[in-house]
Amino acid sequence: MGGSLTFDVLVLSGKSQWTSISRWPGATAAQNEARKLVAATKHLGVKVSQETYDHPENRFKEKTLFKHLTSDKKAQHR
């Protein structure tokens, strides 16, 4: 699969509305930012999504790498 990667940090606003607030070129930086947002406890949830554009297939693919909901006791790393 040939493609380019980006890592979005999203916050949960409302019951099911995820909003992207920043985009990072690397997973580590995106996850560090997400952890800062979790620590601030201002959001219902925070997640990091890896987005890949697959040039040969001409489509985007998405995978969640980190997810924390305030109702969870622990963040989920994938």
PDB file of N, CA and C in Angstrom:
ATOM      1  N   MET A   1       0.847  -1.173   0.000  1.00  0.00           N
ATOM      2  CA  MET A   1       0.000   0.000   0.000  1.00  0.00           C
ATOM      3  C   MET A   1       0.889   1.232   0.000  1.00  0.00           C
ATOM      4  N   GLY A   2       0.811   2.027  -1.017  1.00  0.00           N
ATOM      5  CA  GLY A   2       1.554   3.276  -1.053  1.00  0.00           C
ATOM      6  C   GLY A   2       0.649   4.405  -0.633  1.00  0.00           C
ATOM      7  N   GLY A   3       1.116   5.254   0.272  1.00  0.00           N
ATOM      8  CA  GLY A   3       0.254   6.342   0.703  1.00  0.00           C
ATOM      9  C   GLY A   3       0.956   7.249   1.690  1.00  0.00           C
ATOM     10  N   SER A   4       0.264   8.283   2.089  1.00  0.00           N
ATOM     11  CA  SER A   4       0.812   9.213   3.059  1.00  0.00           C
ATOM     12  C   SER A   4      -0.040   9.173   4.322  1.00  0.00           C
ATOM     13  N   LEU A   5       0.601   9.383   5.479  1.00  0.00           N
ATOM     14  CA  LEU A   5      -0.071   9.301   6.766  1.00  0.00           C
ATOM     15  C   LEU A   5      -0.225  10.674   7.397  1.00  0.00           C
ATOM     16  N   THR A   6      -1.335  10.878   8.079  1.00  0.00           N
ATOM     17  CA  THR A   6      -1.511  12.022   8.959  1.00  0.00           C
ATOM     18  C   THR A   6      -2.183  11.500  10.224  1.00  0.00           C
ATOM     19  N   PHE A   7      -2.018  12.249  11.312  1.00  0.00           N
ATOM     20  CA  PHE A   7      -2.569  11.857  12.602  1.00  0.00           C
ATOM     21  C   PHE A   7      -3.378  13.021  13.144  1.00  0.00           C
ATOM     22  N   ASP A   8      -4.680  12.819  13.267  1.00  0.00           N
ATOM     23  CA  ASP A   8      -5.588  13.859  13.738  1.00  0.00           C
ATOM     24  C   ASP A   8      -5.900  13.656  15.212  1.00  0.00           C
ATOM     25  N   VAL A   9      -5.916  14.768  15.955  1.00  0.00           N
ATOM     26  CA  VAL A   9      -6.386  14.755  17.333  1.00  0.00           C
ATOM     27  C   VAL A   9      -7.813  15.304  17.289  1.00  0.00           C
ATOM     28  N   LEU A  10      -8.747  14.513  17.831  1.00  0.00           N
ATOM     29  CA  LEU A  10     -10.151  14.894  17.816  1.00  0.00           C
ATOM     30  C   LEU A  10     -10.685  14.944  19.238  1.00  0.00           C
ATOM     31  N   VAL A  11     -11.650  15.834  19.460  1.00  0.00           N
ATOM     32  CA  VAL A  11     -12.311  15.908  20.756  1.00  0.00           C
ATOM     33  C   VAL A  11     -13.800  15.647  20.562  1.00  0.00           C
ATOM     34  N   LEU A  12     -14.399  15.085  21.587  1.00  0.00           N
ATOM     35  CA  LEU A  12     -15.822  14.766  21.554  1.00  0.00           C
ATOM     36  C   LEU A  12     -16.606  15.952  22.080  1.00  0.00           C
ATOM     37  N   SER A  13     -17.488  16.471  21.246  1.00  0.00           N
ATOM     38  CA  SER A  13     -18.361  17.571  21.648  1.00  0.00           C
ATOM     39  C   SER A  13     -19.795  17.106  21.431  1.00  0.00           C
ATOM     40  N   GLY A  14     -20.491  16.904  22.489  1.00  0.00           N
ATOM     41  CA  GLY A  14     -21.822  16.319  22.399  1.00  0.00           C
ATOM     42  C   GLY A  14     -21.726  14.811  22.536  1.00  0.00           C
ATOM     43  N   LYS A  15     -22.829  14.133  22.285  1.00  0.00           N
ATOM     44  CA  LYS A  15     -22.848  12.686  22.502  1.00  0.00           C
ATOM     45  C   LYS A  15     -22.078  11.889  21.462  1.00  0.00           C
ATOM     46  N   SER A  16     -22.037  12.378  20.228  1.00  0.00           N
ATOM     47  CA  SER A  16     -21.372  11.576  19.195  1.00  0.00           C
ATOM     48  C   SER A  16     -20.651  12.404  18.138  1.00  0.00           C
ATOM     49  N   GLN A  17     -20.414  13.666  18.394  1.00  0.00           N
ATOM     50  CA  GLN A  17     -19.785  14.542  17.412  1.00  0.00           C
ATOM     51  C   GLN A  17     -18.297  14.723  17.706  1.00  0.00           C
ATOM     52  N   TRP A  18     -17.444  14.061  16.922  1.00  0.00           N
ATOM     53  CA  TRP A  18     -15.997  14.217  17.055  1.00  0.00           C
ATOM     54  C   TRP A  18     -15.549  15.350  16.139  1.00  0.00           C
ATOM     55  N   THR A  19     -14.716  16.250  16.677  1.00  0.00           N
ATOM     56  CA  THR A  19     -14.225  17.399  15.924  1.00  0.00           C
ATOM     57  C   THR A  19     -12.706  17.379  15.913  1.00  0.00           C
ATOM     58  N   SER A  20     -12.116  17.454  14.742  1.00  0.00           N
ATOM     59  CA  SER A  20     -10.663  17.493  14.614  1.00  0.00           C
ATOM     60  C   SER A  20     -10.173  18.871  15.029  1.00  0.00           C
ATOM     61  N   ILE A  21      -9.196  18.899  15.954  1.00  0.00           N
ATOM     62  CA  ILE A  21      -8.676  20.189  16.403  1.00  0.00           C
ATOM     63  C   ILE A  21      -7.222  20.404  16.002  1.00  0.00           C
ATOM     64  N   SER A  22      -6.531  19.327  15.622  1.00  0.00           N
ATOM     65  CA  SER A  22      -5.159  19.498  15.133  1.00  0.00           C
ATOM     66  C   SER A  22      -4.737  18.273  14.327  1.00  0.00           C
ATOM     67  N   ARG A  23      -3.739  18.485  13.478  1.00  0.00           N
ATOM     68  CA  ARG A  23      -3.209  17.415  12.618  1.00  0.00           C
ATOM     69  C   ARG A  23      -1.704  17.386  12.789  1.00  0.00           C
ATOM     70  N   TRP A  24      -1.148  16.189  12.892  1.00  0.00           N
ATOM     71  CA  TRP A  24       0.277  16.005  13.164  1.00  0.00           C
ATOM     72  C   TRP A  24       0.899  15.060  12.147  1.00  0.00           C
ATOM     73  N   PRO A  25       2.179  15.254  11.841  1.00  0.00           N
ATOM     74  CA  PRO A  25       2.849  14.356  10.900  1.00  0.00           C
ATOM     75  C   PRO A  25       3.291  13.035  11.534  1.00  0.00           C
ATOM     76  N   GLY A  26       3.316  12.983  12.888  1.00  0.00           N
ATOM     77  CA  GLY A  26       3.765  11.769  13.568  1.00  0.00           C
ATOM     78  C   GLY A  26       2.812  11.335  14.663  1.00  0.00           C
ATOM     79  N   ALA A  27       2.732  10.021  14.889  1.00  0.00           N
ATOM     80  CA  ALA A  27       1.823   9.455  15.878  1.00  0.00           C
ATOM     81  C   ALA A  27       2.195   9.871  17.300  1.00  0.00           C
ATOM     82  N   THR A  28       3.473   9.899  17.623  1.00  0.00           N
ATOM     83  CA  THR A  28       3.911  10.218  18.985  1.00  0.00           C
ATOM     84  C   THR A  28       3.494  11.630  19.382  1.00  0.00           C
ATOM     85  N   ALA A  29       3.721  12.590  18.513  1.00  0.00           N
ATOM     86  CA  ALA A  29       3.343  13.978  18.801  1.00  0.00           C
ATOM     87  C   ALA A  29       1.828  14.101  18.971  1.00  0.00           C
ATOM     88  N   ALA A  30       1.076  13.423  18.133  1.00  0.00           N
ATOM     89  CA  ALA A  30      -0.382  13.478  18.218  1.00  0.00           C
ATOM     90  C   ALA A  30      -0.867  12.860  19.528  1.00  0.00           C
ATOM     91  N   GLN A  31      -0.300  11.737  19.929  1.00  0.00           N
ATOM     92  CA  GLN A  31      -0.702  11.097  21.177  1.00  0.00           C
ATOM     93  C   GLN A  31      -0.297  11.927  22.384  1.00  0.00           C
ATOM     94  N   ASN A  32       0.845  12.590  22.330  1.00  0.00           N
ATOM     95  CA  ASN A  32       1.248  13.481  23.423  1.00  0.00           C
ATOM     96  C   ASN A  32       0.256  14.627  23.573  1.00  0.00           C
ATOM     97  N   GLU A  33      -0.160  15.197  22.460  1.00  0.00           N
ATOM     98  CA  GLU A  33      -1.151  16.272  22.486  1.00  0.00           C
ATOM     99  C   GLU A  33      -2.478  15.761  23.058  1.00  0.00           C
ATOM    100  N   ALA A  34      -2.882  14.558  22.651  1.00  0.00           N
ATOM    101  CA  ALA A  34      -4.128  13.975  23.151  1.00  0.00           C
ATOM    102  C   ALA A  34      -4.069  13.779  24.665  1.00  0.00           C
ATOM    103  N   ARG A  35      -2.939  13.328  25.169  1.00  0.00           N
ATOM    104  CA  ARG A  35      -2.793  13.129  26.619  1.00  0.00           C
ATOM    105  C   ARG A  35      -2.892  14.452  27.379  1.00  0.00           C
ATOM    106  N   LYS A  36      -2.360  15.516  26.801  1.00  0.00           N
ATOM    107  CA  LYS A  36      -2.487  16.846  27.426  1.00  0.00           C
ATOM    108  C   LYS A  36      -3.959  17.252  27.508  1.00  0.00           C
ATOM    109  N   LEU A  37      -4.703  16.978  26.452  1.00  0.00           N
ATOM    110  CA  LEU A  37      -6.123  17.313  26.438  1.00  0.00           C
ATOM    111  C   LEU A  37      -6.901  16.474  27.445  1.00  0.00           C
ATOM    112  N   VAL A  38      -6.543  15.217  27.587  1.00  0.00           N
ATOM    113  CA  VAL A  38      -7.188  14.352  28.579  1.00  0.00           C
ATOM    114  C   VAL A  38      -6.934  14.909  29.976  1.00  0.00           C
ATOM    115  N   ALA A  39      -5.690  15.304  30.245  1.00  0.00           N
ATOM    116  CA  ALA A  39      -5.321  15.835  31.560  1.00  0.00           C
ATOM    117  C   ALA A  39      -6.073  17.131  31.881  1.00  0.00           C
ATOM    118  N   ALA A  40      -6.382  17.912  30.866  1.00  0.00           N
ATOM    119  CA  ALA A  40      -7.101  19.171  31.071  1.00  0.00           C
ATOM    120  C   ALA A  40      -8.565  18.942  31.448  1.00  0.00           C
ATOM    121  N   THR A  41      -9.081  17.769  31.169  1.00  0.00           N
ATOM    122  CA  THR A  41     -10.460  17.344  31.490  1.00  0.00           C
ATOM    123  C   THR A  41     -11.546  18.320  31.032  1.00  0.00           C
ATOM    124  N   LYS A  42     -11.336  18.973  29.901  1.00  0.00           N
ATOM    125  CA  LYS A  42     -12.342  19.899  29.370  1.00  0.00           C
ATOM    126  C   LYS A  42     -13.275  19.235  28.360  1.00  0.00           C
ATOM    127  N   HIS A  43     -12.918  18.046  27.897  1.00  0.00           N
ATOM    128  CA  HIS A  43     -13.672  17.407  26.818  1.00  0.00           C
ATOM    129  C   HIS A  43     -14.296  16.088  27.286  1.00  0.00           C
ATOM    130  N   LEU A  44     -15.388  15.713  26.647  1.00  0.00           N
ATOM    131  CA  LEU A  44     -16.035  14.438  26.952  1.00  0.00           C
ATOM    132  C   LEU A  44     -15.192  13.258  26.487  1.00  0.00           C
ATOM    133  N   GLY A  45     -14.365  13.494  25.482  1.00  0.00           N
ATOM    134  CA  GLY A  45     -13.497  12.450  24.957  1.00  0.00           C
ATOM    135  C   GLY A  45     -12.421  13.037  24.075  1.00  0.00           C
ATOM    136  N   VAL A  46     -11.346  12.258  23.914  1.00  0.00           N
ATOM    137  CA  VAL A  46     -10.222  12.641  23.057  1.00  0.00           C
ATOM    138  C   VAL A  46      -9.774  11.385  22.320  1.00  0.00           C
ATOM    139  N   LYS A  47      -9.443  11.538  21.045  1.00  0.00           N
ATOM    140  CA  LYS A  47      -8.892  10.388  20.323  1.00  0.00           C
ATOM    141  C   LYS A  47      -7.890  10.847  19.275  1.00  0.00           C
ATOM    142  N   VAL A  48      -7.038   9.901  18.879  1.00  0.00           N
ATOM    143  CA  VAL A  48      -6.082  10.123  17.795  1.00  0.00           C
ATOM    144  C   VAL A  48      -6.438   9.152  16.690  1.00  0.00           C
ATOM    145  N   SER A  49      -6.613   9.696  15.521  1.00  0.00           N
ATOM    146  CA  SER A  49      -6.991   8.913  14.357  1.00  0.00           C
ATOM    147  C   SER A  49      -5.869   8.982  13.318  1.00  0.00           C
ATOM    148  N   GLN A  50      -5.477   7.826  12.818  1.00  0.00           N
ATOM    149  CA  GLN A  50      -4.478   7.768  11.743  1.00  0.00           C
ATOM    150  C   GLN A  50      -5.223   7.713  10.418  1.00  0.00           C
ATOM    151  N   GLU A  51      -4.919   8.659   9.567  1.00  0.00           N
ATOM    152  CA  GLU A  51      -5.557   8.685   8.253  1.00  0.00           C
ATOM    153  C   GLU A  51      -4.511   8.436   7.188  1.00  0.00           C
ATOM    154  N   THR A  52      -4.805   7.511   6.316  1.00  0.00           N
ATOM    155  CA  THR A  52      -3.902   7.153   5.231  1.00  0.00           C
ATOM    156  C   THR A  52      -4.610   7.378   3.906  1.00  0.00           C
ATOM    157  N   TYR A  53      -3.921   8.046   3.003  1.00  0.00           N
ATOM    158  CA  TYR A  53      -4.460   8.163   1.659  1.00  0.00           C
ATOM    159  C   TYR A  53      -3.759   7.122   0.806  1.00  0.00           C
ATOM    160  N   ASP A  54      -4.526   6.192   0.303  1.00  0.00           N
ATOM    161  CA  ASP A  54      -4.007   5.125  -0.529  1.00  0.00           C
ATOM    162  C   ASP A  54      -4.128   5.561  -1.989  1.00  0.00           C
ATOM    163  N   HIS A  55      -2.990   5.959  -2.570  1.00  0.00           N
ATOM    164  CA  HIS A  55      -2.995   6.471  -3.946  1.00  0.00           C
ATOM    165  C   HIS A  55      -3.472   5.444  -4.974  1.00  0.00           C
ATOM    166  N   PRO A  56      -2.963   4.206  -4.933  1.00  0.00           N
ATOM    167  CA  PRO A  56      -3.426   3.236  -5.943  1.00  0.00           C
ATOM    168  C   PRO A  56      -4.933   2.979  -5.877  1.00  0.00           C
ATOM    169  N   GLU A  57      -5.499   2.974  -4.663  1.00  0.00           N
ATOM    170  CA  GLU A  57      -6.937   2.726  -4.514  1.00  0.00           C
ATOM    171  C   GLU A  57      -7.754   4.022  -4.557  1.00  0.00           C
ATOM    172  N   ASN A  58      -7.057   5.174  -4.514  1.00  0.00           N
ATOM    173  CA  ASN A  58      -7.695   6.483  -4.565  1.00  0.00           C
ATOM    174  C   ASN A  58      -8.765   6.658  -3.479  1.00  0.00           C
ATOM    175  N   ARG A  59      -8.368   6.303  -2.215  1.00  0.00           N
ATOM    176  CA  ARG A  59      -9.304   6.476  -1.107  1.00  0.00           C
ATOM    177  C   ARG A  59      -8.567   6.642   0.216  1.00  0.00           C
ATOM    178  N   PHE A  60      -9.277   7.181   1.198  1.00  0.00           N
ATOM    179  CA  PHE A  60      -8.737   7.363   2.537  1.00  0.00           C
ATOM    180  C   PHE A  60      -9.105   6.172   3.412  1.00  0.00           C
ATOM    181  N   LYS A  61      -8.184   5.837   4.307  1.00  0.00           N
ATOM    182  CA  LYS A  61      -8.442   4.792   5.300  1.00  0.00           C
ATOM    183  C   LYS A  61      -8.146   5.386   6.667  1.00  0.00           C
ATOM    184  N   GLU A  62      -8.965   5.042   7.652  1.00  0.00           N
ATOM    185  CA  GLU A  62      -8.823   5.617   8.989  1.00  0.00           C
ATOM    186  C   GLU A  62      -8.733   4.517  10.045  1.00  0.00           C
ATOM    187  N   LYS A  63      -7.881   4.767  11.052  1.00  0.00           N
ATOM    188  CA  LYS A  63      -7.701   3.814  12.151  1.00  0.00           C
ATOM    189  C   LYS A  63      -7.516   4.612  13.443  1.00  0.00           C
ATOM    190  N   THR A  64      -8.194   4.229  14.518  1.00  0.00           N
ATOM    191  CA  THR A  64      -8.051   4.908  15.802  1.00  0.00           C
ATOM    192  C   THR A  64      -6.857   4.327  16.545  1.00  0.00           C
ATOM    193  N   LEU A  65      -5.920   5.208  16.951  1.00  0.00           N
ATOM    194  CA  LEU A  65      -4.714   4.778  17.663  1.00  0.00           C
ATOM    195  C   LEU A  65      -4.822   4.984  19.169  1.00  0.00           C
ATOM    196  N   PHE A  66      -5.614   5.954  19.580  1.00  0.00           N
ATOM    197  CA  PHE A  66      -5.750   6.306  20.998  1.00  0.00           C
ATOM    198  C   PHE A  66      -7.155   6.843  21.200  1.00  0.00           C
ATOM    199  N   LYS A  67      -7.784   6.430  22.309  1.00  0.00           N
ATOM    200  CA  LYS A  67      -9.128   6.937  22.580  1.00  0.00           C
ATOM    201  C   LYS A  67      -9.343   6.974  24.083  1.00  0.00           C
ATOM    202  N   HIS A  68      -9.856   8.093  24.572  1.00  0.00           N
ATOM    203  CA  HIS A  68     -10.180   8.235  25.987  1.00  0.00           C
ATOM    204  C   HIS A  68     -11.516   8.949  26.114  1.00  0.00           C
ATOM    205  N   LEU A  69     -12.437   8.346  26.831  1.00  0.00           N
ATOM    206  CA  LEU A  69     -13.720   8.972  27.125  1.00  0.00           C
ATOM    207  C   LEU A  69     -13.736   9.278  28.616  1.00  0.00           C
ATOM    208  N   THR A  70     -14.333  10.396  29.003  1.00  0.00           N
ATOM    209  CA  THR A  70     -14.301  10.773  30.421  1.00  0.00           C
ATOM    210  C   THR A  70     -14.989   9.720  31.286  1.00  0.00           C
ATOM    211  N   SER A  71     -15.895   8.958  30.726  1.00  0.00           N
ATOM    212  CA  SER A  71     -16.547   7.892  31.488  1.00  0.00           C
ATOM    213  C   SER A  71     -15.635   6.680  31.676  1.00  0.00           C
ATOM    214  N   ASP A  72     -14.561   6.586  30.860  1.00  0.00           N
ATOM    215  CA  ASP A  72     -13.586   5.499  30.986  1.00  0.00           C
ATOM    216  C   ASP A  72     -12.621   5.805  32.116  1.00  0.00           C
ATOM    217  N   LYS A  73     -12.144   4.776  32.765  1.00  0.00           N
ATOM    218  CA  LYS A  73     -11.126   4.971  33.783  1.00  0.00           C
ATOM    219  C   LYS A  73      -9.740   5.009  33.165  1.00  0.00           C
ATOM    220  N   LYS A  74      -9.601   4.445  31.980  1.00  0.00           N
ATOM    221  CA  LYS A  74      -8.287   4.301  31.360  1.00  0.00           C
ATOM    222  C   LYS A  74      -8.370   4.581  29.858  1.00  0.00           C
ATOM    223  N   ALA A  75      -7.327   5.159  29.314  1.00  0.00           N
ATOM    224  CA  ALA A  75      -7.274   5.401  27.872  1.00  0.00           C
ATOM    225  C   ALA A  75      -7.044   4.088  27.143  1.00  0.00           C
ATOM    226  N   GLN A  76      -7.563   4.001  25.943  1.00  0.00           N
ATOM    227  CA  GLN A  76      -7.372   2.811  25.107  1.00  0.00           C
ATOM    228  C   GLN A  76      -6.307   3.109  24.061  1.00  0.00           C
ATOM    229  N   HIS A  77      -5.295   2.268  24.016  1.00  0.00           N
ATOM    230  CA  HIS A  77      -4.248   2.392  22.993  1.00  0.00           C
ATOM    231  C   HIS A  77      -4.410   1.217  22.042  1.00  0.00           C
ATOM    232  N   ARG A  78      -4.337   1.494  20.773  1.00  0.00           N
ATOM    233  CA  ARG A  78      -4.496   0.402  19.787  1.00  0.00           C
ATOM    234  C   ARG A  78      -3.270   0.267  18.956  1.00  0.00           C
TER     235      ARG A  78
END
